[in-house]
């Protein structure tokens, strides 16, 4: 099976655990001790508008019970897809 984008991995795992985006953001804040995360950032991750960096991926892995390597691979898939889209948009016709 092809690797999913990171947003889809996050959304799917969050739903399996029964978290709303708000509840999930609250749990990430609780376990990380970092109060800067909001539901809006979770939504951006899930929509593929932002890619969580290594700091947040470690906490995502812990809360979602998803291997860190799977999240890193999914983040790469998302970055690669963006790069491909950027090349298609910027190439002259």
PDB file of N, CA and C in Angstrom:
ATOM      1  N   UNK A   1       0.839  -1.182   0.000  1.00  0.00           N
ATOM      2  CA  UNK A   1       0.000   0.000   0.000  1.00  0.00           C
ATOM      3  C   UNK A   1       0.881   1.241   0.000  1.00  0.00           C
ATOM      4  N   UNK A   2       0.490   2.262  -0.744  1.00  0.00           N
ATOM      5  CA  UNK A   2       1.219   3.522  -0.765  1.00  0.00           C
ATOM      6  C   UNK A   2       1.074   4.224   0.581  1.00  0.00           C
ATOM      7  N   UNK A   3       2.103   4.937   0.951  1.00  0.00           N
ATOM      8  CA  UNK A   3       2.095   5.701   2.190  1.00  0.00           C
ATOM      9  C   UNK A   3       1.114   6.860   2.068  1.00  0.00           C
ATOM     10  N   UNK A   4       0.346   7.104   3.114  1.00  0.00           N
ATOM     11  CA  UNK A   4      -0.602   8.211   3.145  1.00  0.00           C
ATOM     12  C   UNK A   4       0.125   9.507   3.480  1.00  0.00           C
ATOM     13  N   UNK A   5      -0.452  10.649   3.077  1.00  0.00           N
ATOM     14  CA  UNK A   5       0.081  11.932   3.536  1.00  0.00           C
ATOM     15  C   UNK A   5      -0.076  12.043   5.054  1.00  0.00           C
ATOM     16  N   UNK A   6       0.755  12.856   5.664  1.00  0.00           N
ATOM     17  CA  UNK A   6       0.761  12.960   7.119  1.00  0.00           C
ATOM     18  C   UNK A   6      -0.585  13.426   7.667  1.00  0.00           C
ATOM     19  N   UNK A   7      -1.255  14.311   6.976  1.00  0.00           N
ATOM     20  CA  UNK A   7      -2.554  14.785   7.457  1.00  0.00           C
ATOM     21  C   UNK A   7      -3.577  13.675   7.554  1.00  0.00           C
ATOM     22  N   UNK A   8      -3.546  12.778   6.596  1.00  0.00           N
ATOM     23  CA  UNK A   8      -4.485  11.653   6.606  1.00  0.00           C
ATOM     24  C   UNK A   8      -4.140  10.665   7.718  1.00  0.00           C
ATOM     25  N   UNK A   9      -2.857  10.448   7.956  1.00  0.00           N
ATOM     26  CA  UNK A   9      -2.441   9.563   9.056  1.00  0.00           C
ATOM     27  C   UNK A   9      -2.930  10.140  10.387  1.00  0.00           C
ATOM     28  N   UNK A  10      -2.731  11.440  10.573  1.00  0.00           N
ATOM     29  CA  UNK A  10      -3.162  12.091  11.816  1.00  0.00           C
ATOM     30  C   UNK A  10      -4.678  12.001  11.965  1.00  0.00           C
ATOM     31  N   UNK A  11      -5.411  12.358  10.922  1.00  0.00           N
ATOM     32  CA  UNK A  11      -6.876  12.363  10.980  1.00  0.00           C
ATOM     33  C   UNK A  11      -7.415  10.973  11.304  1.00  0.00           C
ATOM     34  N   UNK A  12      -6.904   9.984  10.607  1.00  0.00           N
ATOM     35  CA  UNK A  12      -7.386   8.612  10.794  1.00  0.00           C
ATOM     36  C   UNK A  12      -7.103   8.119  12.216  1.00  0.00           C
ATOM     37  N   UNK A  13      -5.870   8.299  12.679  1.00  0.00           N
ATOM     38  CA  UNK A  13      -5.498   7.824  14.017  1.00  0.00           C
ATOM     39  C   UNK A  13      -6.269   8.577  15.102  1.00  0.00           C
ATOM     40  N   UNK A  14      -6.455   9.866  14.917  1.00  0.00           N
ATOM     41  CA  UNK A  14      -7.221  10.663  15.885  1.00  0.00           C
ATOM     42  C   UNK A  14      -8.648  10.148  15.983  1.00  0.00           C
ATOM     43  N   UNK A  15      -9.260   9.885  14.824  1.00  0.00           N
ATOM     44  CA  UNK A  15     -10.644   9.405  14.800  1.00  0.00           C
ATOM     45  C   UNK A  15     -10.762   8.028  15.462  1.00  0.00           C
ATOM     46  N   UNK A  16      -9.796   7.148  15.200  1.00  0.00           N
ATOM     47  CA  UNK A  16      -9.820   5.809  15.809  1.00  0.00           C
ATOM     48  C   UNK A  16      -9.799   5.915  17.336  1.00  0.00           C
ATOM     49  N   UNK A  17      -9.044   6.877  17.850  1.00  0.00           N
ATOM     50  CA  UNK A  17      -8.944   7.052  19.300  1.00  0.00           C
ATOM     51  C   UNK A  17     -10.120   7.837  19.879  1.00  0.00           C
ATOM     52  N   UNK A  18     -10.980   8.367  19.011  1.00  0.00           N
ATOM     53  CA  UNK A  18     -12.181   9.054  19.473  1.00  0.00           C
ATOM     54  C   UNK A  18     -11.990  10.506  19.865  1.00  0.00           C
ATOM     55  N   UNK A  19     -10.888  11.109  19.448  1.00  0.00           N
ATOM     56  CA  UNK A  19     -10.648  12.515  19.763  1.00  0.00           C
ATOM     57  C   UNK A  19     -11.317  13.423  18.739  1.00  0.00           C
ATOM     58  N   UNK A  20     -11.920  14.506  19.213  1.00  0.00           N
ATOM     59  CA  UNK A  20     -12.264  15.612  18.324  1.00  0.00           C
ATOM     60  C   UNK A  20     -10.966  16.379  18.076  1.00  0.00           C
ATOM     61  N   UNK A  21     -10.967  17.300  17.128  1.00  0.00           N
ATOM     62  CA  UNK A  21      -9.764  18.110  16.925  1.00  0.00           C
ATOM     63  C   UNK A  21      -9.458  18.924  18.182  1.00  0.00           C
ATOM     64  N   UNK A  22     -10.492  19.445  18.832  1.00  0.00           N
ATOM     65  CA  UNK A  22     -10.282  20.210  20.067  1.00  0.00           C
ATOM     66  C   UNK A  22      -9.687  19.325  21.165  1.00  0.00           C
ATOM     67  N   UNK A  23     -10.282  18.170  21.367  1.00  0.00           N
ATOM     68  CA  UNK A  23      -9.800  17.259  22.404  1.00  0.00           C
ATOM     69  C   UNK A  23      -8.387  16.778  22.135  1.00  0.00           C
ATOM     70  N   UNK A  24      -8.092  16.545  20.866  1.00  0.00           N
ATOM     71  CA  UNK A  24      -6.757  16.102  20.479  1.00  0.00           C
ATOM     72  C   UNK A  24      -5.730  17.196  20.750  1.00  0.00           C
ATOM     73  N   UNK A  25      -6.053  18.430  20.373  1.00  0.00           N
ATOM     74  CA  UNK A  25      -5.147  19.549  20.643  1.00  0.00           C
ATOM     75  C   UNK A  25      -4.918  19.685  22.146  1.00  0.00           C
ATOM     76  N   UNK A  26      -5.978  19.569  22.930  1.00  0.00           N
ATOM     77  CA  UNK A  26      -5.842  19.655  24.388  1.00  0.00           C
ATOM     78  C   UNK A  26      -4.925  18.556  24.928  1.00  0.00           C
ATOM     79  N   UNK A  27      -5.068  17.339  24.398  1.00  0.00           N
ATOM     80  CA  UNK A  27      -4.224  16.229  24.861  1.00  0.00           C
ATOM     81  C   UNK A  27      -2.759  16.455  24.477  1.00  0.00           C
ATOM     82  N   UNK A  28      -2.516  16.960  23.273  1.00  0.00           N
ATOM     83  CA  UNK A  28      -1.136  17.262  22.867  1.00  0.00           C
ATOM     84  C   UNK A  28      -0.528  18.340  23.761  1.00  0.00           C
ATOM     85  N   UNK A  29      -1.319  19.358  24.097  1.00  0.00           N
ATOM     86  CA  UNK A  29      -0.842  20.407  25.002  1.00  0.00           C
ATOM     87  C   UNK A  29      -0.516  19.794  26.365  1.00  0.00           C
ATOM     88  N   UNK A  30      -1.388  18.937  26.850  1.00  0.00           N
ATOM     89  CA  UNK A  30      -1.194  18.321  28.167  1.00  0.00           C
ATOM     90  C   UNK A  30       0.089  17.488  28.219  1.00  0.00           C
ATOM     91  N   UNK A  31       0.277  16.597  27.240  1.00  0.00           N
ATOM     92  CA  UNK A  31       1.439  15.702  27.303  1.00  0.00           C
ATOM     93  C   UNK A  31       2.745  16.416  26.965  1.00  0.00           C
ATOM     94  N   UNK A  32       2.683  17.407  26.080  1.00  0.00           N
ATOM     95  CA  UNK A  32       3.911  18.101  25.673  1.00  0.00           C
ATOM     96  C   UNK A  32       4.291  19.221  26.631  1.00  0.00           C
ATOM     97  N   UNK A  33       3.300  19.746  27.349  1.00  0.00           N
ATOM     98  CA  UNK A  33       3.558  20.900  28.203  1.00  0.00           C
ATOM     99  C   UNK A  33       3.714  22.185  27.417  1.00  0.00           C
ATOM    100  N   UNK A  34       3.398  22.141  26.122  1.00  0.00           N
ATOM    101  CA  UNK A  34       3.538  23.297  25.239  1.00  0.00           C
ATOM    102  C   UNK A  34       2.144  23.828  24.916  1.00  0.00           C
ATOM    103  N   UNK A  35       1.802  24.966  25.497  1.00  0.00           N
ATOM    104  CA  UNK A  35       0.465  25.528  25.343  1.00  0.00           C
ATOM    105  C   UNK A  35       0.218  26.267  24.049  1.00  0.00           C
ATOM    106  N   UNK A  36       1.154  26.229  23.119  1.00  0.00           N
ATOM    107  CA  UNK A  36       1.001  27.010  21.886  1.00  0.00           C
ATOM    108  C   UNK A  36       0.125  26.331  20.837  1.00  0.00           C
ATOM    109  N   UNK A  37      -0.178  25.057  21.008  1.00  0.00           N
ATOM    110  CA  UNK A  37      -0.932  24.322  19.991  1.00  0.00           C
ATOM    111  C   UNK A  37      -2.427  24.570  20.145  1.00  0.00           C
ATOM    112  N   UNK A  38      -3.103  24.764  19.015  1.00  0.00           N
ATOM    113  CA  UNK A  38      -4.551  24.952  19.015  1.00  0.00           C
ATOM    114  C   UNK A  38      -5.198  23.965  18.057  1.00  0.00           C
ATOM    115  N   UNK A  39      -6.502  23.883  18.122  1.00  0.00           N
ATOM    116  CA  UNK A  39      -7.281  23.060  17.208  1.00  0.00           C
ATOM    117  C   UNK A  39      -7.049  23.504  15.765  1.00  0.00           C
ATOM    118  N   UNK A  40      -6.821  24.797  15.560  1.00  0.00           N
ATOM    119  CA  UNK A  40      -6.581  25.309  14.205  1.00  0.00           C
ATOM    120  C   UNK A  40      -5.332  24.685  13.590  1.00  0.00           C
ATOM    121  N   UNK A  41      -4.300  24.512  14.383  1.00  0.00           N
ATOM    122  CA  UNK A  41      -3.072  23.894  13.862  1.00  0.00           C
ATOM    123  C   UNK A  41      -3.317  22.424  13.530  1.00  0.00           C
ATOM    124  N   UNK A  42      -4.061  21.731  14.381  1.00  0.00           N
ATOM    125  CA  UNK A  42      -4.419  20.337  14.091  1.00  0.00           C
ATOM    126  C   UNK A  42      -5.167  20.272  12.761  1.00  0.00           C
ATOM    127  N   UNK A  43      -6.115  21.182  12.555  1.00  0.00           N
ATOM    128  CA  UNK A  43      -6.880  21.206  11.301  1.00  0.00           C
ATOM    129  C   UNK A  43      -5.964  21.473  10.112  1.00  0.00           C
ATOM    130  N   UNK A  44      -4.997  22.372  10.267  1.00  0.00           N
ATOM    131  CA  UNK A  44      -4.050  22.648   9.170  1.00  0.00           C
ATOM    132  C   UNK A  44      -3.218  21.412   8.846  1.00  0.00           C
ATOM    133  N   UNK A  45      -2.781  20.690   9.881  1.00  0.00           N
ATOM    134  CA  UNK A  45      -2.042  19.444   9.639  1.00  0.00           C
ATOM    135  C   UNK A  45      -2.904  18.469   8.863  1.00  0.00           C
ATOM    136  N   UNK A  46      -4.140  18.298   9.298  1.00  0.00           N
ATOM    137  CA  UNK A  46      -5.014  17.306   8.667  1.00  0.00           C
ATOM    138  C   UNK A  46      -5.369  17.672   7.229  1.00  0.00           C
ATOM    139  N   UNK A  47      -5.483  18.949   6.937  1.00  0.00           N
ATOM    140  CA  UNK A  47      -5.791  19.391   5.568  1.00  0.00           C
ATOM    141  C   UNK A  47      -4.548  19.441   4.686  1.00  0.00           C
ATOM    142  N   UNK A  48      -3.382  19.231   5.266  1.00  0.00           N
ATOM    143  CA  UNK A  48      -2.150  19.272   4.492  1.00  0.00           C
ATOM    144  C   UNK A  48      -1.636  20.678   4.243  1.00  0.00           C
ATOM    145  N   UNK A  49      -2.170  21.647   4.969  1.00  0.00           N
ATOM    146  CA  UNK A  49      -1.708  23.031   4.825  1.00  0.00           C
ATOM    147  C   UNK A  49      -0.388  23.258   5.546  1.00  0.00           C
ATOM    148  N   UNK A  50      -0.154  22.482   6.593  1.00  0.00           N
ATOM    149  CA  UNK A  50       1.097  22.532   7.346  1.00  0.00           C
ATOM    150  C   UNK A  50       1.565  21.105   7.574  1.00  0.00           C
ATOM    151  N   UNK A  51       2.863  20.947   7.731  1.00  0.00           N
ATOM    152  CA  UNK A  51       3.454  19.644   8.027  1.00  0.00           C
ATOM    153  C   UNK A  51       4.098  19.742   9.411  1.00  0.00           C
ATOM    154  N   UNK A  52       3.669  18.893  10.343  1.00  0.00           N
ATOM    155  CA  UNK A  52       4.277  18.976  11.674  1.00  0.00           C
ATOM    156  C   UNK A  52       5.763  18.623  11.617  1.00  0.00           C
ATOM    157  N   UNK A  53       6.547  19.431  12.305  1.00  0.00           N
ATOM    158  CA  UNK A  53       7.983  19.192  12.359  1.00  0.00           C
ATOM    159  C   UNK A  53       8.323  18.094  13.359  1.00  0.00           C
ATOM    160  N   UNK A  54       9.611  17.802  13.486  1.00  0.00           N
ATOM    161  CA  UNK A  54      10.049  16.724  14.382  1.00  0.00           C
ATOM    162  C   UNK A  54       9.569  16.897  15.828  1.00  0.00           C
ATOM    163  N   UNK A  55       9.543  18.132  16.311  1.00  0.00           N
ATOM    164  CA  UNK A  55       9.092  18.357  17.693  1.00  0.00           C
ATOM    165  C   UNK A  55       7.675  17.834  17.892  1.00  0.00           C
ATOM    166  N   UNK A  56       6.751  18.270  17.028  1.00  0.00           N
ATOM    167  CA  UNK A  56       5.363  17.840  17.191  1.00  0.00           C
ATOM    168  C   UNK A  56       5.172  16.387  16.779  1.00  0.00           C
ATOM    169  N   UNK A  57       5.957  15.892  15.837  1.00  0.00           N
ATOM    170  CA  UNK A  57       5.808  14.480  15.443  1.00  0.00           C
ATOM    171  C   UNK A  57       6.103  13.534  16.603  1.00  0.00           C
ATOM    172  N   UNK A  58       7.068  13.884  17.472  1.00  0.00           N
ATOM    173  CA  UNK A  58       7.340  13.013  18.622  1.00  0.00           C
ATOM    174  C   UNK A  58       6.122  12.924  19.537  1.00  0.00           C
ATOM    175  N   UNK A  59       5.434  14.046  19.727  1.00  0.00           N
ATOM    176  CA  UNK A  59       4.242  14.044  20.583  1.00  0.00           C
ATOM    177  C   UNK A  59       3.057  13.407  19.868  1.00  0.00           C
ATOM    178  N   UNK A  60       2.939  13.635  18.579  1.00  0.00           N
ATOM    179  CA  UNK A  60       1.883  12.978  17.800  1.00  0.00           C
ATOM    180  C   UNK A  60       2.036  11.468  17.895  1.00  0.00           C
ATOM    181  N   UNK A  61       3.255  10.997  17.757  1.00  0.00           N
ATOM    182  CA  UNK A  61       3.526   9.564  17.833  1.00  0.00           C
ATOM    183  C   UNK A  61       3.065   8.998  19.170  1.00  0.00           C
ATOM    184  N   UNK A  62       3.391   9.699  20.208  1.00  0.00           N
ATOM    185  CA  UNK A  62       3.046   9.236  21.562  1.00  0.00           C
ATOM    186  C   UNK A  62       1.532   9.214  21.782  1.00  0.00           C
ATOM    187  N   UNK A  63       0.857  10.303  21.435  1.00  0.00           N
ATOM    188  CA  UNK A  63      -0.583  10.407  21.694  1.00  0.00           C
ATOM    189  C   UNK A  63      -1.384   9.514  20.753  1.00  0.00           C
ATOM    190  N   UNK A  64      -0.986   9.481  19.476  1.00  0.00           N
ATOM    191  CA  UNK A  64      -1.742   8.713  18.484  1.00  0.00           C
ATOM    192  C   UNK A  64      -1.375   7.232  18.464  1.00  0.00           C
ATOM    193  N   UNK A  65      -0.292   6.876  19.158  1.00  0.00           N
ATOM    194  CA  UNK A  65       0.179   5.489  19.164  1.00  0.00           C
ATOM    195  C   UNK A  65       0.529   5.026  17.743  1.00  0.00           C
ATOM    196  N   UNK A  66       1.177   5.931  17.020  1.00  0.00           N
ATOM    197  CA  UNK A  66       1.645   5.674  15.651  1.00  0.00           C
ATOM    198  C   UNK A  66       3.169   5.752  15.698  1.00  0.00           C
ATOM    199  N   UNK A  67       3.873   4.790  15.118  1.00  0.00           N
ATOM    200  CA  UNK A  67       5.336   4.844  15.145  1.00  0.00           C
ATOM    201  C   UNK A  67       5.878   6.159  14.564  1.00  0.00           C
ATOM    202  N   UNK A  68       6.895   6.695  15.218  1.00  0.00           N
ATOM    203  CA  UNK A  68       7.497   7.950  14.764  1.00  0.00           C
ATOM    204  C   UNK A  68       7.973   7.838  13.322  1.00  0.00           C
ATOM    205  N   UNK A  69       8.494   6.680  12.944  1.00  0.00           N
ATOM    206  CA  UNK A  69       8.960   6.476  11.572  1.00  0.00           C
ATOM    207  C   UNK A  69       7.839   6.579  10.555  1.00  0.00           C
ATOM    208  N   UNK A  70       6.652   6.111  10.923  1.00  0.00           N
ATOM    209  CA  UNK A  70       5.507   6.222  10.020  1.00  0.00           C
ATOM    210  C   UNK A  70       5.115   7.681   9.816  1.00  0.00           C
ATOM    211  N   UNK A  71       5.140   8.465  10.894  1.00  0.00           N
ATOM    212  CA  UNK A  71       4.824   9.891  10.766  1.00  0.00           C
ATOM    213  C   UNK A  71       5.890  10.615   9.947  1.00  0.00           C
ATOM    214  N   UNK A  72       7.157  10.273  10.150  1.00  0.00           N
ATOM    215  CA  UNK A  72       8.232  10.897   9.373  1.00  0.00           C
ATOM    216  C   UNK A  72       8.094  10.559   7.894  1.00  0.00           C
ATOM    217  N   UNK A  73       7.786   9.303   7.590  1.00  0.00           N
ATOM    218  CA  UNK A  73       7.599   8.897   6.189  1.00  0.00           C
ATOM    219  C   UNK A  73       6.395   9.601   5.579  1.00  0.00           C
ATOM    220  N   UNK A  74       5.325   9.730   6.348  1.00  0.00           N
ATOM    221  CA  UNK A  74       4.126  10.411   5.851  1.00  0.00           C
ATOM    222  C   UNK A  74       4.404  11.898   5.625  1.00  0.00           C
ATOM    223  N   UNK A  75       5.208  12.504   6.496  1.00  0.00           N
ATOM    224  CA  UNK A  75       5.583  13.908   6.305  1.00  0.00           C
ATOM    225  C   UNK A  75       6.387  14.067   5.018  1.00  0.00           C
ATOM    226  N   UNK A  76       7.267  13.111   4.742  1.00  0.00           N
ATOM    227  CA  UNK A  76       8.053  13.151   3.502  1.00  0.00           C
ATOM    228  C   UNK A  76       7.139  13.019   2.287  1.00  0.00           C
ATOM    229  N   UNK A  77       6.154  12.121   2.361  1.00  0.00           N
ATOM    230  CA  UNK A  77       5.193  11.971   1.259  1.00  0.00           C
ATOM    231  C   UNK A  77       4.502  13.306   0.991  1.00  0.00           C
ATOM    232  N   UNK A  78       4.096  13.977   2.049  1.00  0.00           N
ATOM    233  CA  UNK A  78       3.413  15.265   1.905  1.00  0.00           C
ATOM    234  C   UNK A  78       4.345  16.307   1.302  1.00  0.00           C
ATOM    235  N   UNK A  79       5.587  16.371   1.796  1.00  0.00           N
ATOM    236  CA  UNK A  79       6.559  17.332   1.243  1.00  0.00           C
ATOM    237  C   UNK A  79       6.827  17.048  -0.229  1.00  0.00           C
ATOM    238  N   UNK A  80       7.013  15.769  -0.557  1.00  0.00           N
ATOM    239  CA  UNK A  80       7.285  15.395  -1.949  1.00  0.00           C
ATOM    240  C   UNK A  80       6.108  15.746  -2.855  1.00  0.00           C
ATOM    241  N   UNK A  81       4.896  15.521  -2.377  1.00  0.00           N
ATOM    242  CA  UNK A  81       3.706  15.857  -3.170  1.00  0.00           C
ATOM    243  C   UNK A  81       3.630  17.361  -3.392  1.00  0.00           C
ATOM    244  N   UNK A  82       3.961  18.123  -2.376  1.00  0.00           N
ATOM    245  CA  UNK A  82       3.967  19.586  -2.521  1.00  0.00           C
ATOM    246  C   UNK A  82       5.018  20.018  -3.534  1.00  0.00           C
ATOM    247  N   UNK A  83       6.198  19.426  -3.445  1.00  0.00           N
ATOM    248  CA  UNK A  83       7.274  19.785  -4.376  1.00  0.00           C
ATOM    249  C   UNK A  83       6.864  19.487  -5.804  1.00  0.00           C
ATOM    250  N   UNK A  84       6.223  18.355  -6.025  1.00  0.00           N
ATOM    251  CA  UNK A  84       5.741  18.007  -7.360  1.00  0.00           C
ATOM    252  C   UNK A  84       4.699  18.982  -7.847  1.00  0.00           C
ATOM    253  N   UNK A  85       3.798  19.393  -6.966  1.00  0.00           N
ATOM    254  CA  UNK A  85       2.765  20.361  -7.336  1.00  0.00           C
ATOM    255  C   UNK A  85       3.406  21.708  -7.646  1.00  0.00           C
ATOM    256  N   UNK A  86       4.414  22.098  -6.857  1.00  0.00           N
ATOM    257  CA  UNK A  86       5.104  23.361  -7.109  1.00  0.00           C
ATOM    258  C   UNK A  86       5.780  23.348  -8.471  1.00  0.00           C
ATOM    259  N   UNK A  87       6.406  22.230  -8.829  1.00  0.00           N
ATOM    260  CA  UNK A  87       7.076  22.146 -10.132  1.00  0.00           C
ATOM    261  C   UNK A  87       6.065  22.248 -11.266  1.00  0.00           C
ATOM    262  N   UNK A  88       4.917  21.614 -11.100  1.00  0.00           N
ATOM    263  CA  UNK A  88       3.903  21.672 -12.159  1.00  0.00           C
ATOM    264  C   UNK A  88       3.379  23.088 -12.334  1.00  0.00           C
ATOM    265  N   UNK A  89       3.235  23.817 -11.248  1.00  0.00           N
ATOM    266  CA  UNK A  89       2.701  25.174 -11.314  1.00  0.00           C
ATOM    267  C   UNK A  89       3.721  26.137 -11.895  1.00  0.00           C
ATOM    268  N   UNK A  90       5.009  25.961 -11.579  1.00  0.00           N
ATOM    269  CA  UNK A  90       6.012  26.936 -11.983  1.00  0.00           C
ATOM    270  C   UNK A  90       6.646  26.653 -13.337  1.00  0.00           C
ATOM    271  N   UNK A  91       6.400  25.485 -13.913  1.00  0.00           N
ATOM    272  CA  UNK A  91       6.986  25.195 -15.220  1.00  0.00           C
ATOM    273  C   UNK A  91       6.254  25.986 -16.303  1.00  0.00           C
ATOM    274  N   UNK A  92       7.012  26.590 -17.225  1.00  0.00           N
ATOM    275  CA  UNK A  92       6.367  27.337 -18.307  1.00  0.00           C
ATOM    276  C   UNK A  92       5.585  26.390 -19.219  1.00  0.00           C
ATOM    277  N   UNK A  93       4.577  26.930 -19.806  1.00  0.00           N
ATOM    278  CA  UNK A  93       3.718  26.140 -20.703  1.00  0.00           C
ATOM    279  C   UNK A  93       4.251  26.184 -22.102  1.00  0.00           C
TER     280      UNK A  93
END
